[in-house]
C-alpha atoms as a PDB file:
ATOM      1  CA  UNK A   1       4.208 -18.754  10.202  1.00  0.00           C
ATOM      2  CA  UNK A   2       1.725 -17.342  12.710  1.00  0.00           C
ATOM      3  CA  UNK A   3      -1.734 -15.848  12.315  1.00  0.00           C
ATOM      4  CA  UNK A   4      -3.169 -12.828  14.075  1.00  0.00           C
ATOM      5  CA  UNK A   5      -6.438 -12.845  16.092  1.00  0.00           C
ATOM      6  CA  UNK A   6      -7.777  -9.715  14.384  1.00  0.00           C
ATOM      7  CA  UNK A   7     -11.430  -9.587  13.334  1.00  0.00           C
ATOM      8  CA  UNK A   8     -11.146  -7.937   9.900  1.00  0.00           C
ATOM      9  CA  UNK A   9      -7.553  -8.781   8.975  1.00  0.00           C
ATOM     10  CA  UNK A  10      -5.486 -11.939   8.751  1.00  0.00           C
ATOM     11  CA  UNK A  11      -1.740 -11.471   9.218  1.00  0.00           C
ATOM     12  CA  UNK A  12       0.930 -14.069   8.483  1.00  0.00           C
ATOM     13  CA  UNK A  13       4.694 -13.780   8.766  1.00  0.00           C
ATOM     14  CA  UNK A  14       6.809 -15.311   6.038  1.00  0.00           C
ATOM     15  CA  UNK A  15      10.380 -14.699   7.132  1.00  0.00           C
ATOM     16  CA  UNK A  16      10.903 -10.949   7.056  1.00  0.00           C
ATOM     17  CA  UNK A  17       7.641 -10.301   5.180  1.00  0.00           C
ATOM     18  CA  UNK A  18       4.230  -9.715   6.781  1.00  0.00           C
ATOM     19  CA  UNK A  19       1.269 -10.647   4.578  1.00  0.00           C
ATOM     20  CA  UNK A  20      -1.826  -8.653   5.551  1.00  0.00           C
ATOM     21  CA  UNK A  21      -5.093 -10.004   4.135  1.00  0.00           C
ATOM     22  CA  UNK A  22      -8.268  -7.923   4.283  1.00  0.00           C
ATOM     23  CA  UNK A  23     -10.588 -10.484   5.836  1.00  0.00           C
ATOM     24  CA  UNK A  24     -14.255  -9.665   5.243  1.00  0.00           C
ATOM     25  CA  UNK A  25     -14.859 -11.934   2.226  1.00  0.00           C
ATOM     26  CA  UNK A  26     -18.605 -12.051   2.921  1.00  0.00           C
ATOM     27  CA  UNK A  27     -18.629  -8.278   2.237  1.00  0.00           C
ATOM     28  CA  UNK A  28     -16.089  -8.364  -0.610  1.00  0.00           C
ATOM     29  CA  UNK A  29     -13.526  -7.089   1.934  1.00  0.00           C
ATOM     30  CA  UNK A  30     -15.281  -3.731   2.123  1.00  0.00           C
ATOM     31  CA  UNK A  31     -13.665  -1.251   4.507  1.00  0.00           C
ATOM     32  CA  UNK A  32     -15.622  -0.639   7.685  1.00  0.00           C
ATOM     33  CA  UNK A  33     -14.525   1.356  10.708  1.00  0.00           C
ATOM     34  CA  UNK A  34     -13.082  -1.680  12.470  1.00  0.00           C
ATOM     35  CA  UNK A  35     -10.984  -2.592   9.442  1.00  0.00           C
ATOM     36  CA  UNK A  36      -9.647   0.962   9.169  1.00  0.00           C
ATOM     37  CA  UNK A  37      -8.651   0.900  12.817  1.00  0.00           C
ATOM     38  CA  UNK A  38      -7.164  -2.588  12.708  1.00  0.00           C
ATOM     39  CA  UNK A  39      -5.206  -1.851   9.540  1.00  0.00           C
ATOM     40  CA  UNK A  40      -3.817   1.357  10.988  1.00  0.00           C
ATOM     41  CA  UNK A  41      -2.863  -0.315  14.287  1.00  0.00           C
ATOM     42  CA  UNK A  42      -1.415  -3.415  12.609  1.00  0.00           C
ATOM     43  CA  UNK A  43       0.808  -1.386  10.316  1.00  0.00           C
ATOM     44  CA  UNK A  44       2.007   0.674  13.274  1.00  0.00           C
ATOM     45  CA  UNK A  45       3.014  -2.524  15.088  1.00  0.00           C
ATOM     46  CA  UNK A  46       4.769  -3.899  11.992  1.00  0.00           C
ATOM     47  CA  UNK A  47       6.546  -0.600  11.417  1.00  0.00           C
ATOM     48  CA  UNK A  48       8.131  -0.935  14.865  1.00  0.00           C
ATOM     49  CA  UNK A  49       8.925  -4.641  14.497  1.00  0.00           C
ATOM     50  CA  UNK A  50      12.621  -5.075  13.710  1.00  0.00           C
ATOM     51  CA  UNK A  51      12.026  -8.603  12.401  1.00  0.00           C
ATOM     52  CA  UNK A  52       9.720  -7.375   9.619  1.00  0.00           C
ATOM     53  CA  UNK A  53      11.335  -5.657   6.657  1.00  0.00           C
ATOM     54  CA  UNK A  54       8.426  -5.384   4.223  1.00  0.00           C
ATOM     55  CA  UNK A  55       4.712  -6.126   3.856  1.00  0.00           C
ATOM     56  CA  UNK A  56       2.234  -7.407   1.275  1.00  0.00           C
ATOM     57  CA  UNK A  57      -1.409  -6.274   1.282  1.00  0.00           C
ATOM     58  CA  UNK A  58      -3.991  -8.549  -0.332  1.00  0.00           C
ATOM     59  CA  UNK A  59      -7.603  -9.691  -0.005  1.00  0.00           C
ATOM     60  CA  UNK A  60      -9.163 -12.852   1.412  1.00  0.00           C
ATOM     61  CA  UNK A  61     -11.498 -14.984  -0.640  1.00  0.00           C
ATOM     62  CA  UNK A  62     -11.620 -15.748  -4.372  1.00  0.00           C
ATOM     63  CA  UNK A  63     -13.435 -12.660  -5.670  1.00  0.00           C
ATOM     64  CA  UNK A  64     -12.270  -9.380  -4.193  1.00  0.00           C
ATOM     65  CA  UNK A  65      -9.245  -7.421  -3.131  1.00  0.00           C
ATOM     66  CA  UNK A  66     -11.474  -4.724  -1.645  1.00  0.00           C
ATOM     67  CA  UNK A  67     -14.887  -3.400  -2.667  1.00  0.00           C
ATOM     68  CA  UNK A  68     -14.189  -0.018  -1.087  1.00  0.00           C
ATOM     69  CA  UNK A  69     -16.157   1.687   1.653  1.00  0.00           C
ATOM     70  CA  UNK A  70     -18.820  -0.305   3.475  1.00  0.00           C
ATOM     71  CA  UNK A  71     -21.818   1.599   2.100  1.00  0.00           C
ATOM     72  CA  UNK A  72     -24.259   0.109   4.595  1.00  0.00           C
ATOM     73  CA  UNK A  73     -22.188   1.363   7.521  1.00  0.00           C
ATOM     74  CA  UNK A  74     -21.579   4.693   5.761  1.00  0.00           C
ATOM     75  CA  UNK A  75     -25.315   5.261   5.290  1.00  0.00           C
ATOM     76  CA  UNK A  76     -25.952   4.585   8.960  1.00  0.00           C
ATOM     77  CA  UNK A  77     -23.126   6.718  10.354  1.00  0.00           C
ATOM     78  CA  UNK A  78     -23.542   9.656   7.962  1.00  0.00           C
ATOM     79  CA  UNK A  79     -27.310  10.068   8.383  1.00  0.00           C
ATOM     80  CA  UNK A  80     -27.925  13.532   9.754  1.00  0.00           C
ATOM     81  CA  UNK A  81     -24.222  14.336  10.113  1.00  0.00           C
ATOM     82  CA  UNK A  82     -23.297  17.932   9.233  1.00  0.00           C
ATOM     83  CA  UNK A  83     -20.616  18.394   6.590  1.00  0.00           C
ATOM     84  CA  UNK A  84     -18.160  19.801   9.137  1.00  0.00           C
ATOM     85  CA  UNK A  85     -18.377  16.581  11.147  1.00  0.00           C
ATOM     86  CA  UNK A  86     -17.835  14.440   8.054  1.00  0.00           C
ATOM     87  CA  UNK A  87     -14.707  16.437   7.233  1.00  0.00           C
ATOM     88  CA  UNK A  88     -13.437  16.108  10.800  1.00  0.00           C
ATOM     89  CA  UNK A  89     -14.026  12.352  10.626  1.00  0.00           C
ATOM     90  CA  UNK A  90     -11.807  12.071   7.559  1.00  0.00           C
ATOM     91  CA  UNK A  91      -9.037  14.164   9.124  1.00  0.00           C
ATOM     92  CA  UNK A  92      -9.050  11.968  12.229  1.00  0.00           C
ATOM     93  CA  UNK A  93      -8.978   8.659  10.343  1.00  0.00           C
ATOM     94  CA  UNK A  94      -5.745   8.594   8.342  1.00  0.00           C
ATOM     95  CA  UNK A  95      -4.805   5.443   6.453  1.00  0.00           C
ATOM     96  CA  UNK A  96      -1.985   3.507   8.147  1.00  0.00           C
ATOM     97  CA  UNK A  97      -0.276   2.735   4.833  1.00  0.00           C
ATOM     98  CA  UNK A  98       0.690   6.384   4.356  1.00  0.00           C
ATOM     99  CA  UNK A  99       2.747   6.293   7.577  1.00  0.00           C
ATOM    100  CA  UNK A 100       4.295   2.868   6.908  1.00  0.00           C
ATOM    101  CA  UNK A 101       7.934   3.576   6.113  1.00  0.00           C
ATOM    102  CA  UNK A 102       8.912   0.048   5.066  1.00  0.00           C
ATOM    103  CA  UNK A 103       8.218  -1.320   1.571  1.00  0.00           C
ATOM    104  CA  UNK A 104       4.610  -2.437   1.057  1.00  0.00           C
ATOM    105  CA  UNK A 105       3.400  -4.276  -2.049  1.00  0.00           C
ATOM    106  CA  UNK A 106      -0.258  -4.605  -3.046  1.00  0.00           C
ATOM    107  CA  UNK A 107      -1.363  -7.990  -4.403  1.00  0.00           C
ATOM    108  CA  UNK A 108      -4.746  -7.267  -5.999  1.00  0.00           C
ATOM    109  CA  UNK A 109      -6.407 -10.660  -6.253  1.00  0.00           C
ATOM    110  CA  UNK A 110      -9.820  -9.657  -7.615  1.00  0.00           C
ATOM    111  CA  UNK A 111     -12.057  -6.636  -7.910  1.00  0.00           C
ATOM    112  CA  UNK A 112     -10.884  -3.330  -6.449  1.00  0.00           C
ATOM    113  CA  UNK A 113     -13.504  -0.612  -6.236  1.00  0.00           C
ATOM    114  CA  UNK A 114     -13.217   2.937  -4.885  1.00  0.00           C
ATOM    115  CA  UNK A 115     -11.418   2.722  -1.575  1.00  0.00           C
ATOM    116  CA  UNK A 116      -9.941  -0.598  -2.679  1.00  0.00           C
ATOM    117  CA  UNK A 117      -8.151   1.159  -5.533  1.00  0.00           C
ATOM    118  CA  UNK A 118      -7.101   3.874  -3.087  1.00  0.00           C
ATOM    119  CA  UNK A 119      -5.508   1.225  -0.824  1.00  0.00           C
ATOM    120  CA  UNK A 120      -3.534  -0.116  -3.789  1.00  0.00           C
ATOM    121  CA  UNK A 121      -2.436   3.398  -4.756  1.00  0.00           C
ATOM    122  CA  UNK A 122      -1.051   3.910  -1.248  1.00  0.00           C
ATOM    123  CA  UNK A 123       1.266   0.924  -1.676  1.00  0.00           C
ATOM    124  CA  UNK A 124       4.740   1.283  -3.168  1.00  0.00           C
ATOM    125  CA  UNK A 125       3.991  -1.017  -6.095  1.00  0.00           C
ATOM    126  CA  UNK A 126       1.090  -3.115  -7.272  1.00  0.00           C
ATOM    127  CA  UNK A 127       0.846  -6.705  -8.453  1.00  0.00           C
ATOM    128  CA  UNK A 128      -2.485  -7.715  -9.971  1.00  0.00           C
ATOM    129  CA  UNK A 129      -3.870 -11.091 -10.915  1.00  0.00           C
ATOM    130  CA  UNK A 130      -4.910 -11.443 -14.526  1.00  0.00           C
ATOM    131  CA  UNK A 131      -8.526 -11.492 -13.280  1.00  0.00           C
ATOM    132  CA  UNK A 132      -8.245  -8.273 -11.240  1.00  0.00           C
ATOM    133  CA  UNK A 133     -10.380  -5.246 -12.080  1.00  0.00           C
ATOM    134  CA  UNK A 134     -10.261  -1.617 -10.956  1.00  0.00           C
ATOM    135  CA  UNK A 135     -13.019   0.996 -10.774  1.00  0.00           C
ATOM    136  CA  UNK A 136     -13.863   4.264  -9.073  1.00  0.00           C
ATOM    137  CA  UNK A 137     -17.636   3.938  -8.868  1.00  0.00           C
ATOM    138  CA  UNK A 138     -18.308   6.743  -6.381  1.00  0.00           C
ATOM    139  CA  UNK A 139     -19.936   9.068  -8.917  1.00  0.00           C
ATOM    140  CA  UNK A 140     -22.575   6.385  -9.511  1.00  0.00           C
ATOM    141  CA  UNK A 141     -23.534   6.714  -5.842  1.00  0.00           C
ATOM    142  CA  UNK A 142     -23.528  10.511  -5.693  1.00  0.00           C
ATOM    143  CA  UNK A 143     -20.053  10.515  -4.126  1.00  0.00           C
ATOM    144  CA  UNK A 144     -16.443  11.035  -5.166  1.00  0.00           C
ATOM    145  CA  UNK A 145     -13.144   9.434  -4.127  1.00  0.00           C
ATOM    146  CA  UNK A 146     -12.274  10.887  -0.733  1.00  0.00           C
ATOM    147  CA  UNK A 147      -9.215   9.014   0.514  1.00  0.00           C
ATOM    148  CA  UNK A 148      -6.632  10.199  -1.988  1.00  0.00           C
ATOM    149  CA  UNK A 149      -8.046   8.748  -5.187  1.00  0.00           C
ATOM    150  CA  UNK A 150      -8.381  12.013  -7.108  1.00  0.00           C
ATOM    151  CA  UNK A 151      -4.823  13.022  -6.201  1.00  0.00           C
ATOM    152  CA  UNK A 152      -2.861   9.783  -6.275  1.00  0.00           C
ATOM    153  CA  UNK A 153      -4.504   8.366  -9.400  1.00  0.00           C
ATOM    154  CA  UNK A 154      -3.769  11.485 -11.459  1.00  0.00           C
ATOM    155  CA  UNK A 155      -0.158  11.473 -10.295  1.00  0.00           C
ATOM    156  CA  UNK A 156       0.150   7.822 -11.217  1.00  0.00           C
ATOM    157  CA  UNK A 157      -1.562   7.593 -14.622  1.00  0.00           C
ATOM    158  CA  UNK A 158      -1.911  11.244 -15.658  1.00  0.00           C
ATOM    159  CA  UNK A 159      -4.777  13.697 -15.379  1.00  0.00           C
ATOM    160  CA  UNK A 160      -6.797  12.799 -18.520  1.00  0.00           C
ATOM    161  CA  UNK A 161      -6.867   9.063 -17.786  1.00  0.00           C
ATOM    162  CA  UNK A 162      -7.611   9.695 -14.109  1.00  0.00           C
ATOM    163  CA  UNK A 163     -10.509  11.977 -15.009  1.00  0.00           C
ATOM    164  CA  UNK A 164     -11.878   9.407 -17.431  1.00  0.00           C
ATOM    165  CA  UNK A 165     -11.764   6.619 -14.831  1.00  0.00           C
ATOM    166  CA  UNK A 166     -13.224   8.710 -12.014  1.00  0.00           C
ATOM    167  CA  UNK A 167     -15.916  10.579 -13.968  1.00  0.00           C
ATOM    168  CA  UNK A 168     -17.239   7.538 -15.859  1.00  0.00           C
ATOM    169  CA  UNK A 169     -16.911   5.032 -13.040  1.00  0.00           C
ATOM    170  CA  UNK A 170     -16.038   2.385 -15.624  1.00  0.00           C
ATOM    171  CA  UNK A 171     -14.171  -0.829 -14.868  1.00  0.00           C
ATOM    172  CA  UNK A 172     -10.543  -1.217 -15.967  1.00  0.00           C
ATOM    173  CA  UNK A 173      -9.343  -4.770 -16.615  1.00  0.00           C
ATOM    174  CA  UNK A 174      -5.912  -5.962 -15.497  1.00  0.00           C
ATOM    175  CA  UNK A 175      -4.288  -5.736 -18.937  1.00  0.00           C
ATOM    176  CA  UNK A 176      -5.384  -2.113 -19.364  1.00  0.00           C
ATOM    177  CA  UNK A 177      -4.303  -1.305 -15.794  1.00  0.00           C
ATOM    178  CA  UNK A 178      -0.823  -2.525 -16.717  1.00  0.00           C
ATOM    179  CA  UNK A 179      -0.787  -0.582 -19.991  1.00  0.00           C
ATOM    180  CA  UNK A 180      -1.700   2.747 -18.349  1.00  0.00           C
ATOM    181  CA  UNK A 181       0.659   2.322 -15.391  1.00  0.00           C
ATOM    182  CA  UNK A 182      -1.967   1.724 -12.705  1.00  0.00           C
ATOM    183  CA  UNK A 183      -0.180  -1.521 -11.780  1.00  0.00           C
ATOM    184  CA  UNK A 184       3.405  -2.665 -12.253  1.00  0.00           C
ATOM    185  CA  UNK A 185       2.871  -6.394 -12.783  1.00  0.00           C
ATOM    186  CA  UNK A 186       0.057  -8.679 -13.957  1.00  0.00           C
ATOM    187  CA  UNK A 187       0.504 -12.375 -13.164  1.00  0.00           C
ATOM    188  CA  UNK A 188      -1.664 -15.519 -13.096  1.00  0.00           C
ATOM    189  CA  UNK A 189      -3.829 -15.611  -9.981  1.00  0.00           C
ATOM    190  CA  UNK A 190      -2.175 -18.795  -8.721  1.00  0.00           C
ATOM    191  CA  UNK A 191       1.200 -17.012  -8.677  1.00  0.00           C
ATOM    192  CA  UNK A 192       0.073 -13.657  -7.310  1.00  0.00           C
ATOM    193  CA  UNK A 193       0.851 -13.942  -3.611  1.00  0.00           C
ATOM    194  CA  UNK A 194       4.130 -15.803  -4.097  1.00  0.00           C
ATOM    195  CA  UNK A 195       5.360 -13.243  -6.636  1.00  0.00           C
ATOM    196  CA  UNK A 196       4.450 -10.305  -4.413  1.00  0.00           C
ATOM    197  CA  UNK A 197       6.039 -11.944  -1.354  1.00  0.00           C
ATOM    198  CA  UNK A 198       9.207 -12.728  -3.320  1.00  0.00           C
ATOM    199  CA  UNK A 199       9.620  -9.077  -4.298  1.00  0.00           C
ATOM    200  CA  UNK A 200       8.926  -7.901  -0.751  1.00  0.00           C
ATOM    201  CA  UNK A 201      11.430 -10.436   0.615  1.00  0.00           C
ATOM    202  CA  UNK A 202      14.092  -9.208  -1.809  1.00  0.00           C
ATOM    203  CA  UNK A 203      13.661  -5.684  -0.434  1.00  0.00           C
ATOM    204  CA  UNK A 204      13.488  -6.844   3.186  1.00  0.00           C
ATOM    205  CA  UNK A 205      16.832  -8.653   2.837  1.00  0.00           C
ATOM    206  CA  UNK A 206      18.679  -5.353   2.415  1.00  0.00           C
ATOM    207  CA  UNK A 207      19.947  -2.984   5.104  1.00  0.00           C
ATOM    208  CA  UNK A 208      16.837  -1.831   7.031  1.00  0.00           C
ATOM    209  CA  UNK A 209      17.870   1.789   7.560  1.00  0.00           C
ATOM    210  CA  UNK A 210      18.968   2.123   3.940  1.00  0.00           C
ATOM    211  CA  UNK A 211      15.698   0.717   2.598  1.00  0.00           C
ATOM    212  CA  UNK A 212      13.511   2.930   4.761  1.00  0.00           C
ATOM    213  CA  UNK A 213      15.603   6.033   4.096  1.00  0.00           C
ATOM    214  CA  UNK A 214      15.685   5.449   0.333  1.00  0.00           C
ATOM    215  CA  UNK A 215      11.893   5.001   0.326  1.00  0.00           C
ATOM    216  CA  UNK A 216      11.527   8.282   2.200  1.00  0.00           C
ATOM    217  CA  UNK A 217      13.786  10.037  -0.305  1.00  0.00           C
ATOM    218  CA  UNK A 218      11.714   8.856  -3.275  1.00  0.00           C
ATOM    219  CA  UNK A 219       8.328   9.689  -1.760  1.00  0.00           C
ATOM    220  CA  UNK A 220       9.276  12.991  -0.152  1.00  0.00           C
ATOM    221  CA  UNK A 221      11.213  14.113  -3.209  1.00  0.00           C
ATOM    222  CA  UNK A 222       8.403  13.336  -5.653  1.00  0.00           C
ATOM    223  CA  UNK A 223       6.569  16.571  -4.817  1.00  0.00           C
ATOM    224  CA  UNK A 224       9.697  18.748  -4.651  1.00  0.00           C
ATOM    225  CA  UNK A 225      11.469  20.670  -7.378  1.00  0.00           C
ATOM    226  CA  UNK A 226      14.467  18.693  -8.636  1.00  0.00           C
ATOM    227  CA  UNK A 227      17.017  20.907  -6.876  1.00  0.00           C
ATOM    228  CA  UNK A 228      15.288  20.511  -3.506  1.00  0.00           C
ATOM    229  CA  UNK A 229      14.915  16.771  -4.072  1.00  0.00           C
ATOM    230  CA  UNK A 230      18.623  16.431  -4.793  1.00  0.00           C
ATOM    231  CA  UNK A 231      19.472  18.268  -1.569  1.00  0.00           C
ATOM    232  CA  UNK A 232      17.161  15.941   0.322  1.00  0.00           C
ATOM    233  CA  UNK A 233      18.863  12.933  -1.265  1.00  0.00           C
ATOM    234  CA  UNK A 234      22.315  14.245  -0.330  1.00  0.00           C
ATOM    235  CA  UNK A 235      21.266  14.869   3.274  1.00  0.00           C
ATOM    236  CA  UNK A 236      19.742  11.438   3.689  1.00  0.00           C
ATOM    237  CA  UNK A 237      22.685   9.714   2.006  1.00  0.00           C
ATOM    238  CA  UNK A 238      25.061  11.559   4.343  1.00  0.00           C
ATOM    239  CA  UNK A 239      23.021  10.344   7.313  1.00  0.00           C
ATOM    240  CA  UNK A 240      23.361   6.737   6.149  1.00  0.00           C
ATOM    241  CA  UNK A 241      27.163   7.083   6.004  1.00  0.00           C
ATOM    242  CA  UNK A 242      27.090   7.358   9.794  1.00  0.00           C
ATOM    243  CA  UNK A 243      25.296   4.032  10.364  1.00  0.00           C
ATOM    244  CA  UNK A 244      26.837   0.709  11.365  1.00  0.00           C
ATOM    245  CA  UNK A 245      25.194  -0.970   8.384  1.00  0.00           C
ATOM    246  CA  UNK A 246      27.034   1.390   6.016  1.00  0.00           C
ATOM    247  CA  UNK A 247      30.288   0.000   7.425  1.00  0.00           C
ATOM    248  CA  UNK A 248      29.079  -3.595   7.424  1.00  0.00           C
ATOM    249  CA  UNK A 249      28.021  -3.599   3.762  1.00  0.00           C
ATOM    250  CA  UNK A 250      31.460  -2.845   2.227  1.00  0.00           C
ATOM    251  CA  UNK A 251      33.146  -5.048   4.845  1.00  0.00           C
ATOM    252  CA  UNK A 252      30.966  -8.025   3.949  1.00  0.00           C
ATOM    253  CA  UNK A 253      31.608  -7.429   0.247  1.00  0.00           C
ATOM    254  CA  UNK A 254      35.385  -7.437   0.743  1.00  0.00           C
ATOM    255  CA  UNK A 255      35.228 -10.517   2.951  1.00  0.00           C
ATOM    256  CA  UNK A 256      32.972 -12.292   0.426  1.00  0.00           C
ATOM    257  CA  UNK A 257      30.226 -13.124   2.945  1.00  0.00           C
ATOM    258  CA  UNK A 258      26.592 -12.170   3.447  1.00  0.00           C
ATOM    259  CA  UNK A 259      26.173  -8.926   5.421  1.00  0.00           C
ATOM    260  CA  UNK A 260      24.906  -9.058   9.010  1.00  0.00           C
ATOM    261  CA  UNK A 261      22.621  -6.057   9.221  1.00  0.00           C
ATOM    262  CA  UNK A 262      22.065  -4.430  12.607  1.00  0.00           C
ATOM    263  CA  UNK A 263      19.483  -1.863  11.565  1.00  0.00           C
ATOM    264  CA  UNK A 264      21.535   0.994  12.947  1.00  0.00           C
END
C-alpha cells in the first residue's frame, strides 16, 4: 500500500483498487481549483494504469465526504468576472470522473453538499455511512447546481424528487437517500470503506476490457432509444469476441482454473 504526495488528495492502492480520499478535512473537503486539477489528473493516471481495475472515492476526516465548492475561493475568483468568462471556465474544467472508464464507487462518509453530491452522482454506485447526509444548498446562496446536479439527480431519483431537493436545499438523511435511490447501500460507518473496496475489488478481478466495455455500454446506452442501445451492445459485444481475454475466459472455465487476464 503506497500513498501519493498530492496536496488535496490521498491515494492508496489496495491490490487492484485505488482509494482516492479528498484530503482537505480542515475545509470539510471542499473542492478548490487545486483539488479539481489533482482529481482530474489522478484519475487520468489511474485510467491508464493496467494494475488498477477500479477505484473508490471517499473523504478524509470524520465529518465530511465533500462540502461542495470552496465558496471563499469562488467569491475571490468570480468577483468582477463577466458571465461569458464564468461559462468558459466551466467548459474548460471538466470533472475527471466523467472520463474514467473503469468502475468507480463513492463511499460517502459524512456530509455531502452541492458539488459533493455531484461527485457522488458521477460515480457508478454509491455507498453511504449511516451518518451520511446529502443536500443541494446552492439556492440558499443565490446559486444553483452547475456541475451536473440538475441533470444527473433528476435522472437518478426522478424529476419531482430532484426538484424538491434542489429548490428547497433541504438535507436528506442516509435512510431517505437509500429509499429514493440516491444511494445503493447504507452501512455502518466503521464498515464503509471496506465494503466499498470489496465491491470495487470484485469488479476489478474480472477481465479488464470486458469490464470497461460493459460500463461504456450501460452509460452510453442510457440516453439512447432502446433499439439504438441494443445495436450499441451488439457492436461492443462483437468487439470483445476478438480479444485474447474472451478466449482465456472459456478456456480457464473448462480447465477449472482461475483466468489469467491479459487486458487485450
